[in-house]
Amino acid sequence: MIIEVASIKVTAGDEARFEAAFREAVDVFRQAKGCKGLHLQQCIEAPELYQAIIRWETLEAHTVDFRESELFQQWRSLVGPFFAEPPSVHHFRIAVERADF
């Protein structure tokens, strides 16, 4: 499992519209080969900052299959208008399993 963390800064005042567009984009990811799920986090101290956490079967499922597909274009057309700057994207592996208490 690969975890994509996309740090996204949206234009101040567009937070609600960005969140609505992201909700709509969930269906885009649902169709993506190798996508296992996602969620969106908003920063409390700086509400224009978000992290999209997207789970992929493999790195290539994101970097090749998704990024080179029409689905990527659909994703960008939905949420891209709200970006204040290009997102920063990193990929992670699970080093220690999550522990819930």
PDB file of N, CA and C in Angstrom:
ATOM      1  N   MET A   1       0.851  -1.178   0.000  1.00  0.00           N
ATOM      2  CA  MET A   1       0.000   0.000   0.000  1.00  0.00           C
ATOM      3  C   MET A   1       0.891   1.234   0.000  1.00  0.00           C
ATOM      4  N   ILE A   2       0.555   2.184  -0.848  1.00  0.00           N
ATOM      5  CA  ILE A   2       1.243   3.469  -0.948  1.00  0.00           C
ATOM      6  C   ILE A   2       0.259   4.551  -0.532  1.00  0.00           C
ATOM      7  N   ILE A   3       0.739   5.503   0.254  1.00  0.00           N
ATOM      8  CA  ILE A   3      -0.107   6.610   0.693  1.00  0.00           C
ATOM      9  C   ILE A   3       0.416   7.883   0.057  1.00  0.00           C
ATOM     10  N   GLU A   4      -0.427   8.493  -0.744  1.00  0.00           N
ATOM     11  CA  GLU A   4      -0.124   9.785  -1.353  1.00  0.00           C
ATOM     12  C   GLU A   4      -0.608  10.870  -0.396  1.00  0.00           C
ATOM     13  N   VAL A   5       0.253  11.821  -0.104  1.00  0.00           N
ATOM     14  CA  VAL A   5      -0.129  12.979   0.693  1.00  0.00           C
ATOM     15  C   VAL A   5       0.065  14.204  -0.186  1.00  0.00           C
ATOM     16  N   ALA A   6      -1.041  14.823  -0.565  1.00  0.00           N
ATOM     17  CA  ALA A   6      -1.004  16.028  -1.386  1.00  0.00           C
ATOM     18  C   ALA A   6      -1.332  17.210  -0.486  1.00  0.00           C
ATOM     19  N   SER A   7      -0.357  18.091  -0.288  1.00  0.00           N
ATOM     20  CA  SER A   7      -0.578  19.318   0.480  1.00  0.00           C
ATOM     21  C   SER A   7      -1.097  20.374  -0.484  1.00  0.00           C
ATOM     22  N   ILE A   8      -2.284  20.876  -0.182  1.00  0.00           N
ATOM     23  CA  ILE A   8      -2.983  21.778  -1.092  1.00  0.00           C
ATOM     24  C   ILE A   8      -3.309  23.079  -0.366  1.00  0.00           C
ATOM     25  N   LYS A   9      -2.914  24.193  -0.975  1.00  0.00           N
ATOM     26  CA  LYS A   9      -3.291  25.510  -0.457  1.00  0.00           C
ATOM     27  C   LYS A   9      -4.318  26.081  -1.423  1.00  0.00           C
ATOM     28  N   VAL A  10      -5.504  26.390  -0.886  1.00  0.00           N
ATOM     29  CA  VAL A  10      -6.552  26.959  -1.726  1.00  0.00           C
ATOM     30  C   VAL A  10      -6.614  28.471  -1.506  1.00  0.00           C
ATOM     31  N   THR A  11      -7.217  29.150  -2.442  1.00  0.00           N
ATOM     32  CA  THR A  11      -7.399  30.586  -2.330  1.00  0.00           C
ATOM     33  C   THR A  11      -8.302  30.870  -1.130  1.00  0.00           C
ATOM     34  N   ALA A  12      -7.857  31.779  -0.260  1.00  0.00           N
ATOM     35  CA  ALA A  12      -8.639  32.122   0.942  1.00  0.00           C
ATOM     36  C   ALA A  12     -10.047  32.531   0.527  1.00  0.00           C
ATOM     37  N   GLY A  13     -11.016  32.012   1.242  1.00  0.00           N
ATOM     38  CA  GLY A  13     -12.418  32.282   0.954  1.00  0.00           C
ATOM     39  C   GLY A  13     -13.068  31.234   0.076  1.00  0.00           C
ATOM     40  N   ASP A  14     -12.260  30.369  -0.551  1.00  0.00           N
ATOM     41  CA  ASP A  14     -12.790  29.318  -1.431  1.00  0.00           C
ATOM     42  C   ASP A  14     -12.854  27.956  -0.750  1.00  0.00           C
ATOM     43  N   GLU A  15     -12.650  27.906   0.557  1.00  0.00           N
ATOM     44  CA  GLU A  15     -12.576  26.617   1.252  1.00  0.00           C
ATOM     45  C   GLU A  15     -13.841  25.783   1.062  1.00  0.00           C
ATOM     46  N   ALA A  16     -15.008  26.359   1.253  1.00  0.00           N
ATOM     47  CA  ALA A  16     -16.262  25.589   1.140  1.00  0.00           C
ATOM     48  C   ALA A  16     -16.461  25.088  -0.292  1.00  0.00           C
ATOM     49  N   ARG A  17     -16.150  25.912  -1.269  1.00  0.00           N
ATOM     50  CA  ARG A  17     -16.307  25.485  -2.667  1.00  0.00           C
ATOM     51  C   ARG A  17     -15.297  24.404  -3.027  1.00  0.00           C
ATOM     52  N   PHE A  18     -14.068  24.507  -2.500  1.00  0.00           N
ATOM     53  CA  PHE A  18     -13.074  23.462  -2.730  1.00  0.00           C
ATOM     54  C   PHE A  18     -13.543  22.142  -2.131  1.00  0.00           C
ATOM     55  N   GLU A  19     -14.042  22.170  -0.898  1.00  0.00           N
ATOM     56  CA  GLU A  19     -14.518  20.944  -0.253  1.00  0.00           C
ATOM     57  C   GLU A  19     -15.664  20.316  -1.033  1.00  0.00           C
ATOM     58  N   ALA A  20     -16.562  21.136  -1.564  1.00  0.00           N
ATOM     59  CA  ALA A  20     -17.667  20.608  -2.372  1.00  0.00           C
ATOM     60  C   ALA A  20     -17.130  19.951  -3.646  1.00  0.00           C
ATOM     61  N   ALA A  21     -16.138  20.582  -4.270  1.00  0.00           N
ATOM     62  CA  ALA A  21     -15.538  20.007  -5.482  1.00  0.00           C
ATOM     63  C   ALA A  21     -14.806  18.712  -5.150  1.00  0.00           C
ATOM     64  N   PHE A  22     -14.132  18.674  -4.007  1.00  0.00           N
ATOM     65  CA  PHE A  22     -13.424  17.461  -3.603  1.00  0.00           C
ATOM     66  C   PHE A  22     -14.417  16.322  -3.375  1.00  0.00           C
ATOM     67  N   ARG A  23     -15.553  16.616  -2.739  1.00  0.00           N
ATOM     68  CA  ARG A  23     -16.580  15.583  -2.542  1.00  0.00           C
ATOM     69  C   ARG A  23     -17.038  15.017  -3.882  1.00  0.00           C
ATOM     70  N   GLU A  24     -17.210  15.892  -4.854  1.00  0.00           N
ATOM     71  CA  GLU A  24     -17.608  15.455  -6.191  1.00  0.00           C
ATOM     72  C   GLU A  24     -16.512  14.595  -6.820  1.00  0.00           C
ATOM     73  N   ALA A  25     -15.259  14.942  -6.559  1.00  0.00           N
ATOM     74  CA  ALA A  25     -14.130  14.218  -7.139  1.00  0.00           C
ATOM     75  C   ALA A  25     -13.949  12.819  -6.545  1.00  0.00           C
ATOM     76  N   VAL A  26     -14.579  12.528  -5.432  1.00  0.00           N
ATOM     77  CA  VAL A  26     -14.479  11.184  -4.848  1.00  0.00           C
ATOM     78  C   VAL A  26     -14.893  10.139  -5.885  1.00  0.00           C
ATOM     79  N   ASP A  27     -15.916  10.442  -6.683  1.00  0.00           N
ATOM     80  CA  ASP A  27     -16.356   9.496  -7.709  1.00  0.00           C
ATOM     81  C   ASP A  27     -15.292   9.284  -8.783  1.00  0.00           C
ATOM     82  N   VAL A  28     -14.483  10.297  -9.047  1.00  0.00           N
ATOM     83  CA  VAL A  28     -13.384  10.152 -10.002  1.00  0.00           C
ATOM     84  C   VAL A  28     -12.390   9.124  -9.470  1.00  0.00           C
ATOM     85  N   PHE A  29     -12.005   9.266  -8.199  1.00  0.00           N
ATOM     86  CA  PHE A  29     -11.046   8.330  -7.606  1.00  0.00           C
ATOM     87  C   PHE A  29     -11.635   6.930  -7.471  1.00  0.00           C
ATOM     88  N   ARG A  30     -12.924   6.843  -7.244  1.00  0.00           N
ATOM     89  CA  ARG A  30     -13.575   5.535  -7.140  1.00  0.00           C
ATOM     90  C   ARG A  30     -13.377   4.731  -8.423  1.00  0.00           C
ATOM     91  N   GLN A  31     -13.255   5.405  -9.550  1.00  0.00           N
ATOM     92  CA  GLN A  31     -13.069   4.752 -10.853  1.00  0.00           C
ATOM     93  C   GLN A  31     -11.601   4.459 -11.165  1.00  0.00           C
ATOM     94  N   ALA A  32     -10.685   5.033 -10.407  1.00  0.00           N
ATOM     95  CA  ALA A  32      -9.262   4.924 -10.720  1.00  0.00           C
ATOM     96  C   ALA A  32      -8.718   3.542 -10.371  1.00  0.00           C
ATOM     97  N   LYS A  33      -8.026   2.958 -11.319  1.00  0.00           N
ATOM     98  CA  LYS A  33      -7.398   1.645 -11.122  1.00  0.00           C
ATOM     99  C   LYS A  33      -6.397   1.745  -9.962  1.00  0.00           C
ATOM    100  N   GLY A  34      -6.538   0.869  -8.976  1.00  0.00           N
ATOM    101  CA  GLY A  34      -5.586   0.797  -7.877  1.00  0.00           C
ATOM    102  C   GLY A  34      -5.824   1.769  -6.738  1.00  0.00           C
ATOM    103  N   CYS A  35      -6.857   2.604  -6.834  1.00  0.00           N
ATOM    104  CA  CYS A  35      -7.153   3.528  -5.730  1.00  0.00           C
ATOM    105  C   CYS A  35      -7.983   2.791  -4.687  1.00  0.00           C
ATOM    106  N   LYS A  36      -7.526   2.845  -3.432  1.00  0.00           N
ATOM    107  CA  LYS A  36      -8.165   2.094  -2.350  1.00  0.00           C
ATOM    108  C   LYS A  36      -8.994   2.977  -1.414  1.00  0.00           C
ATOM    109  N   GLY A  37      -8.930   4.303  -1.585  1.00  0.00           N
ATOM    110  CA  GLY A  37      -9.719   5.197  -0.742  1.00  0.00           C
ATOM    111  C   GLY A  37      -8.974   6.499  -0.487  1.00  0.00           C
ATOM    112  N   LEU A  38      -9.668   7.437   0.126  1.00  0.00           N
ATOM    113  CA  LEU A  38      -9.079   8.745   0.375  1.00  0.00           C
ATOM    114  C   LEU A  38      -9.852   9.493   1.454  1.00  0.00           C
ATOM    115  N   HIS A  39      -9.214  10.538   1.959  1.00  0.00           N
ATOM    116  CA  HIS A  39      -9.910  11.513   2.792  1.00  0.00           C
ATOM    117  C   HIS A  39      -9.179  12.845   2.689  1.00  0.00           C
ATOM    118  N   LEU A  40      -9.850  13.888   3.159  1.00  0.00           N
ATOM    119  CA  LEU A  40      -9.318  15.242   3.090  1.00  0.00           C
ATOM    120  C   LEU A  40      -9.276  15.813   4.497  1.00  0.00           C
ATOM    121  N   GLN A  41      -8.149  16.436   4.842  1.00  0.00           N
ATOM    122  CA  GLN A  41      -7.964  17.070   6.149  1.00  0.00           C
ATOM    123  C   GLN A  41      -7.761  18.565   5.941  1.00  0.00           C
ATOM    124  N   GLN A  42      -8.367  19.369   6.818  1.00  0.00           N
ATOM    125  CA  GLN A  42      -8.184  20.819   6.769  1.00  0.00           C
ATOM    126  C   GLN A  42      -7.425  21.265   8.012  1.00  0.00           C
ATOM    127  N   CYS A  43      -6.471  22.167   7.824  1.00  0.00           N
ATOM    128  CA  CYS A  43      -5.680  22.701   8.929  1.00  0.00           C
ATOM    129  C   CYS A  43      -6.532  23.650   9.776  1.00  0.00           C
ATOM    130  N   ILE A  44      -6.485  23.494  11.077  1.00  0.00           N
ATOM    131  CA  ILE A  44      -7.242  24.356  11.992  1.00  0.00           C
ATOM    132  C   ILE A  44      -6.634  25.761  12.018  1.00  0.00           C
ATOM    133  N   GLU A  45      -5.318  25.840  12.157  1.00  0.00           N
ATOM    134  CA  GLU A  45      -4.644  27.142  12.306  1.00  0.00           C
ATOM    135  C   GLU A  45      -4.615  27.947  11.004  1.00  0.00           C
ATOM    136  N   ALA A  46      -4.610  27.271   9.876  1.00  0.00           N
ATOM    137  CA  ALA A  46      -4.570  27.932   8.563  1.00  0.00           C
ATOM    138  C   ALA A  46      -5.601  27.243   7.671  1.00  0.00           C
ATOM    139  N   PRO A  47      -6.864  27.669   7.728  1.00  0.00           N
ATOM    140  CA  PRO A  47      -7.949  26.944   7.059  1.00  0.00           C
ATOM    141  C   PRO A  47      -7.824  26.802   5.540  1.00  0.00           C
ATOM    142  N   GLU A  48      -6.935  27.555   4.924  1.00  0.00           N
ATOM    143  CA  GLU A  48      -6.752  27.414   3.483  1.00  0.00           C
ATOM    144  C   GLU A  48      -5.817  26.252   3.131  1.00  0.00           C
ATOM    145  N   LEU A  49      -5.251  25.593   4.149  1.00  0.00           N
ATOM    146  CA  LEU A  49      -4.339  24.463   3.934  1.00  0.00           C
ATOM    147  C   LEU A  49      -5.060  23.133   4.136  1.00  0.00           C
ATOM    148  N   TYR A  50      -4.855  22.248   3.204  1.00  0.00           N
ATOM    149  CA  TYR A  50      -5.472  20.919   3.240  1.00  0.00           C
ATOM    150  C   TYR A  50      -4.422  19.858   2.953  1.00  0.00           C
ATOM    151  N   GLN A  51      -4.730  18.644   3.362  1.00  0.00           N
ATOM    152  CA  GLN A  51      -3.980  17.465   2.943  1.00  0.00           C
ATOM    153  C   GLN A  51      -4.979  16.445   2.419  1.00  0.00           C
ATOM    154  N   ALA A  52      -4.776  16.050   1.180  1.00  0.00           N
ATOM    155  CA  ALA A  52      -5.536  14.937   0.604  1.00  0.00           C
ATOM    156  C   ALA A  52      -4.705  13.689   0.831  1.00  0.00           C
ATOM    157  N   ILE A  53      -5.276  12.722   1.507  1.00  0.00           N
ATOM    158  CA  ILE A  53      -4.610  11.455   1.804  1.00  0.00           C
ATOM    159  C   ILE A  53      -5.286  10.397   0.929  1.00  0.00           C
ATOM    160  N   ILE A  54      -4.526   9.853  -0.020  1.00  0.00           N
ATOM    161  CA  ILE A  54      -5.096   8.916  -0.992  1.00  0.00           C
ATOM    162  C   ILE A  54      -4.291   7.622  -0.946  1.00  0.00           C
ATOM    163  N   ARG A  55      -4.988   6.505  -0.800  1.00  0.00           N
ATOM    164  CA  ARG A  55      -4.347   5.205  -0.703  1.00  0.00           C
ATOM    165  C   ARG A  55      -4.370   4.503  -2.071  1.00  0.00           C
ATOM    166  N   TRP A  56      -3.203   4.015  -2.467  1.00  0.00           N
ATOM    167  CA  TRP A  56      -3.031   3.337  -3.755  1.00  0.00           C
ATOM    168  C   TRP A  56      -2.435   1.946  -3.537  1.00  0.00           C
ATOM    169  N   GLU A  57      -2.784   1.020  -4.416  1.00  0.00           N
ATOM    170  CA  GLU A  57      -2.199  -0.320  -4.356  1.00  0.00           C
ATOM    171  C   GLU A  57      -0.698  -0.278  -4.592  1.00  0.00           C
ATOM    172  N   THR A  58      -0.272   0.513  -5.572  1.00  0.00           N
ATOM    173  CA  THR A  58       1.151   0.639  -5.925  1.00  0.00           C
ATOM    174  C   THR A  58       1.451   2.096  -6.257  1.00  0.00           C
ATOM    175  N   LEU A  59       2.717   2.444  -6.265  1.00  0.00           N
ATOM    176  CA  LEU A  59       3.128   3.795  -6.672  1.00  0.00           C
ATOM    177  C   LEU A  59       2.713   4.057  -8.122  1.00  0.00           C
ATOM    178  N   GLU A  60       2.871   3.055  -8.985  1.00  0.00           N
ATOM    179  CA  GLU A  60       2.546   3.215 -10.395  1.00  0.00           C
ATOM    180  C   GLU A  60       1.051   3.408 -10.628  1.00  0.00           C
ATOM    181  N   ALA A  61       0.221   2.875  -9.733  1.00  0.00           N
ATOM    182  CA  ALA A  61      -1.224   3.097  -9.864  1.00  0.00           C
ATOM    183  C   ALA A  61      -1.533   4.592  -9.829  1.00  0.00           C
ATOM    184  N   HIS A  62      -0.765   5.341  -9.037  1.00  0.00           N
ATOM    185  CA  HIS A  62      -0.945   6.788  -9.005  1.00  0.00           C
ATOM    186  C   HIS A  62      -0.148   7.483 -10.102  1.00  0.00           C
ATOM    187  N   THR A  63       1.168   7.224 -10.132  1.00  0.00           N
ATOM    188  CA  THR A  63       2.059   8.019 -10.987  1.00  0.00           C
ATOM    189  C   THR A  63       1.923   7.709 -12.478  1.00  0.00           C
ATOM    190  N   VAL A  64       1.451   6.515 -12.808  1.00  0.00           N
ATOM    191  CA  VAL A  64       1.307   6.145 -14.216  1.00  0.00           C
ATOM    192  C   VAL A  64      -0.172   6.006 -14.580  1.00  0.00           C
ATOM    193  N   ASP A  65      -0.840   5.014 -13.967  1.00  0.00           N
ATOM    194  CA  ASP A  65      -2.224   4.708 -14.355  1.00  0.00           C
ATOM    195  C   ASP A  65      -3.152   5.909 -14.170  1.00  0.00           C
ATOM    196  N   PHE A  66      -3.082   6.568 -13.025  1.00  0.00           N
ATOM    197  CA  PHE A  66      -3.983   7.698 -12.773  1.00  0.00           C
ATOM    198  C   PHE A  66      -3.501   8.968 -13.455  1.00  0.00           C
ATOM    199  N   ARG A  67      -2.230   9.307 -13.257  1.00  0.00           N
ATOM    200  CA  ARG A  67      -1.723  10.598 -13.770  1.00  0.00           C
ATOM    201  C   ARG A  67      -1.793  10.685 -15.289  1.00  0.00           C
ATOM    202  N   GLU A  68      -1.742   9.556 -15.976  1.00  0.00           N
ATOM    203  CA  GLU A  68      -1.788   9.557 -17.437  1.00  0.00           C
ATOM    204  C   GLU A  68      -3.187   9.289 -17.986  1.00  0.00           C
ATOM    205  N   SER A  69      -4.193   9.334 -17.117  1.00  0.00           N
ATOM    206  CA  SER A  69      -5.553   9.008 -17.537  1.00  0.00           C
ATOM    207  C   SER A  69      -6.433  10.254 -17.639  1.00  0.00           C
ATOM    208  N   GLU A  70      -7.562  10.071 -18.275  1.00  0.00           N
ATOM    209  CA  GLU A  70      -8.574  11.118 -18.363  1.00  0.00           C
ATOM    210  C   GLU A  70      -9.129  11.443 -16.967  1.00  0.00           C
ATOM    211  N   LEU A  71      -9.108  10.471 -16.080  1.00  0.00           N
ATOM    212  CA  LEU A  71      -9.592  10.712 -14.719  1.00  0.00           C
ATOM    213  C   LEU A  71      -8.782  11.805 -14.024  1.00  0.00           C
ATOM    214  N   PHE A  72      -7.473  11.843 -14.264  1.00  0.00           N
ATOM    215  CA  PHE A  72      -6.648  12.903 -13.683  1.00  0.00           C
ATOM    216  C   PHE A  72      -7.107  14.262 -14.185  1.00  0.00           C
ATOM    217  N   GLN A  73      -7.419  14.353 -15.462  1.00  0.00           N
ATOM    218  CA  GLN A  73      -7.906  15.617 -16.018  1.00  0.00           C
ATOM    219  C   GLN A  73      -9.234  16.018 -15.387  1.00  0.00           C
ATOM    220  N   GLN A  74     -10.104  15.041 -15.140  1.00  0.00           N
ATOM    221  CA  GLN A  74     -11.377  15.334 -14.476  1.00  0.00           C
ATOM    222  C   GLN A  74     -11.140  15.859 -13.062  1.00  0.00           C
ATOM    223  N   TRP A  75     -10.236  15.215 -12.330  1.00  0.00           N
ATOM    224  CA  TRP A  75      -9.879  15.631 -10.971  1.00  0.00           C
ATOM    225  C   TRP A  75      -9.403  17.079 -10.973  1.00  0.00           C
ATOM    226  N   ARG A  76      -8.452  17.383 -11.856  1.00  0.00           N
ATOM    227  CA  ARG A  76      -7.884  18.739 -11.905  1.00  0.00           C
ATOM    228  C   ARG A  76      -8.924  19.775 -12.328  1.00  0.00           C
ATOM    229  N   SER A  77      -9.825  19.410 -13.210  1.00  0.00           N
ATOM    230  CA  SER A  77     -10.834  20.385 -13.632  1.00  0.00           C
ATOM    231  C   SER A  77     -11.815  20.689 -12.499  1.00  0.00           C
ATOM    232  N   LEU A  78     -12.039  19.730 -11.621  1.00  0.00           N
ATOM    233  CA  LEU A  78     -12.940  19.955 -10.480  1.00  0.00           C
ATOM    234  C   LEU A  78     -12.294  20.805  -9.392  1.00  0.00           C
ATOM    235  N   VAL A  79     -11.076  20.460  -9.004  1.00  0.00           N
ATOM    236  CA  VAL A  79     -10.465  21.118  -7.835  1.00  0.00           C
ATOM    237  C   VAL A  79      -9.409  22.160  -8.189  1.00  0.00           C
ATOM    238  N   GLY A  80      -8.815  22.041  -9.356  1.00  0.00           N
ATOM    239  CA  GLY A  80      -7.733  22.935  -9.758  1.00  0.00           C
ATOM    240  C   GLY A  80      -8.055  24.423  -9.695  1.00  0.00           C
ATOM    241  N   PRO A  81      -9.272  24.837 -10.040  1.00  0.00           N
ATOM    242  CA  PRO A  81      -9.571  26.267  -9.988  1.00  0.00           C
ATOM    243  C   PRO A  81      -9.431  26.896  -8.595  1.00  0.00           C
ATOM    244  N   PHE A  82      -9.389  26.078  -7.556  1.00  0.00           N
ATOM    245  CA  PHE A  82      -9.310  26.591  -6.193  1.00  0.00           C
ATOM    246  C   PHE A  82      -7.886  26.622  -5.640  1.00  0.00           C
ATOM    247  N   PHE A  83      -6.923  26.072  -6.387  1.00  0.00           N
ATOM    248  CA  PHE A  83      -5.536  26.032  -5.919  1.00  0.00           C
ATOM    249  C   PHE A  83      -4.928  27.437  -5.924  1.00  0.00           C
ATOM    250  N   ALA A  84      -4.358  27.837  -4.795  1.00  0.00           N
ATOM    251  CA  ALA A  84      -3.625  29.096  -4.724  1.00  0.00           C
ATOM    252  C   ALA A  84      -2.216  28.930  -5.281  1.00  0.00           C
ATOM    253  N   GLU A  85      -1.734  27.689  -5.284  1.00  0.00           N
ATOM    254  CA  GLU A  85      -0.410  27.349  -5.807  1.00  0.00           C
ATOM    255  C   GLU A  85      -0.425  25.858  -6.125  1.00  0.00           C
ATOM    256  N   PRO A  86       0.536  25.373  -6.903  1.00  0.00           N
ATOM    257  CA  PRO A  86       0.547  23.934  -7.211  1.00  0.00           C
ATOM    258  C   PRO A  86       0.686  23.098  -5.931  1.00  0.00           C
ATOM    259  N   PRO A  87      -0.049  21.998  -5.838  1.00  0.00           N
ATOM    260  CA  PRO A  87       0.070  21.121  -4.667  1.00  0.00           C
ATOM    261  C   PRO A  87       1.462  20.501  -4.567  1.00  0.00           C
ATOM    262  N   SER A  88       1.838  20.160  -3.360  1.00  0.00           N
ATOM    263  CA  SER A  88       3.063  19.405  -3.094  1.00  0.00           C
ATOM    264  C   SER A  88       2.642  17.962  -2.823  1.00  0.00           C
ATOM    265  N   VAL A  89       3.216  17.021  -3.564  1.00  0.00           N
ATOM    266  CA  VAL A  89       2.787  15.625  -3.461  1.00  0.00           C
ATOM    267  C   VAL A  89       3.965  14.750  -3.062  1.00  0.00           C
ATOM    268  N   HIS A  90       3.741  13.911  -2.051  1.00  0.00           N
ATOM    269  CA  HIS A  90       4.739  12.930  -1.621  1.00  0.00           C
ATOM    270  C   HIS A  90       4.045  11.585  -1.429  1.00  0.00           C
ATOM    271  N   HIS A  91       4.839  10.525  -1.553  1.00  0.00           N
ATOM    272  CA  HIS A  91       4.326   9.160  -1.396  1.00  0.00           C
ATOM    273  C   HIS A  91       5.005   8.505  -0.202  1.00  0.00           C
ATOM    274  N   PHE A  92       4.231   7.750   0.561  1.00  0.00           N
ATOM    275  CA  PHE A  92       4.724   7.125   1.777  1.00  0.00           C
ATOM    276  C   PHE A  92       4.354   5.655   1.812  1.00  0.00           C
ATOM    277  N   ARG A  93       5.152   4.911   2.558  1.00  0.00           N
ATOM    278  CA  ARG A  93       4.825   3.521   2.888  1.00  0.00           C
ATOM    279  C   ARG A  93       4.495   3.497   4.378  1.00  0.00           C
ATOM    280  N   ILE A  94       3.759   2.513   4.799  1.00  0.00           N
ATOM    281  CA  ILE A  94       3.449   2.371   6.220  1.00  0.00           C
ATOM    282  C   ILE A  94       4.649   1.744   6.904  1.00  0.00           C
ATOM    283  N   ALA A  95       5.228   2.466   7.853  1.00  0.00           N
ATOM    284  CA  ALA A  95       6.389   1.975   8.586  1.00  0.00           C
ATOM    285  C   ALA A  95       5.959   1.282   9.872  1.00  0.00           C
ATOM    286  N   VAL A  96       4.940   1.787  10.531  1.00  0.00           N
ATOM    287  CA  VAL A  96       4.353   1.186  11.727  1.00  0.00           C
ATOM    288  C   VAL A  96       2.848   1.258  11.550  1.00  0.00           C
ATOM    289  N   GLU A  97       2.200   0.141  11.689  1.00  0.00           N
ATOM    290  CA  GLU A  97       0.741   0.091  11.514  1.00  0.00           C
ATOM    291  C   GLU A  97       0.035   1.047  12.461  1.00  0.00           C
ATOM    292  N   ARG A  98      -1.092   1.553  12.034  1.00  0.00           N
ATOM    293  CA  ARG A  98      -1.911   2.467  12.834  1.00  0.00           C
ATOM    294  C   ARG A  98      -2.423   1.751  14.077  1.00  0.00           C
ATOM    295  N   ALA A  99      -2.407   2.452  15.191  1.00  0.00           N
ATOM    296  CA  ALA A  99      -2.957   1.923  16.439  1.00  0.00           C
ATOM    297  C   ALA A  99      -4.072   2.845  16.895  1.00  0.00           C
ATOM    298  N   ASP A 100      -5.265   2.326  17.018  1.00  0.00           N
ATOM    299  CA  ASP A 100      -6.399   3.107  17.506  1.00  0.00           C
ATOM    300  C   ASP A 100      -6.615   2.793  18.979  1.00  0.00           C
ATOM    301  N   PHE A 101      -6.946   3.792  19.756  1.00  0.00           N
ATOM    302  CA  PHE A 101      -7.185   3.619  21.193  1.00  0.00           C
ATOM    303  C   PHE A 101      -8.569   4.081  21.569  1.00  0.00           C
TER     304      PHE A 101
END
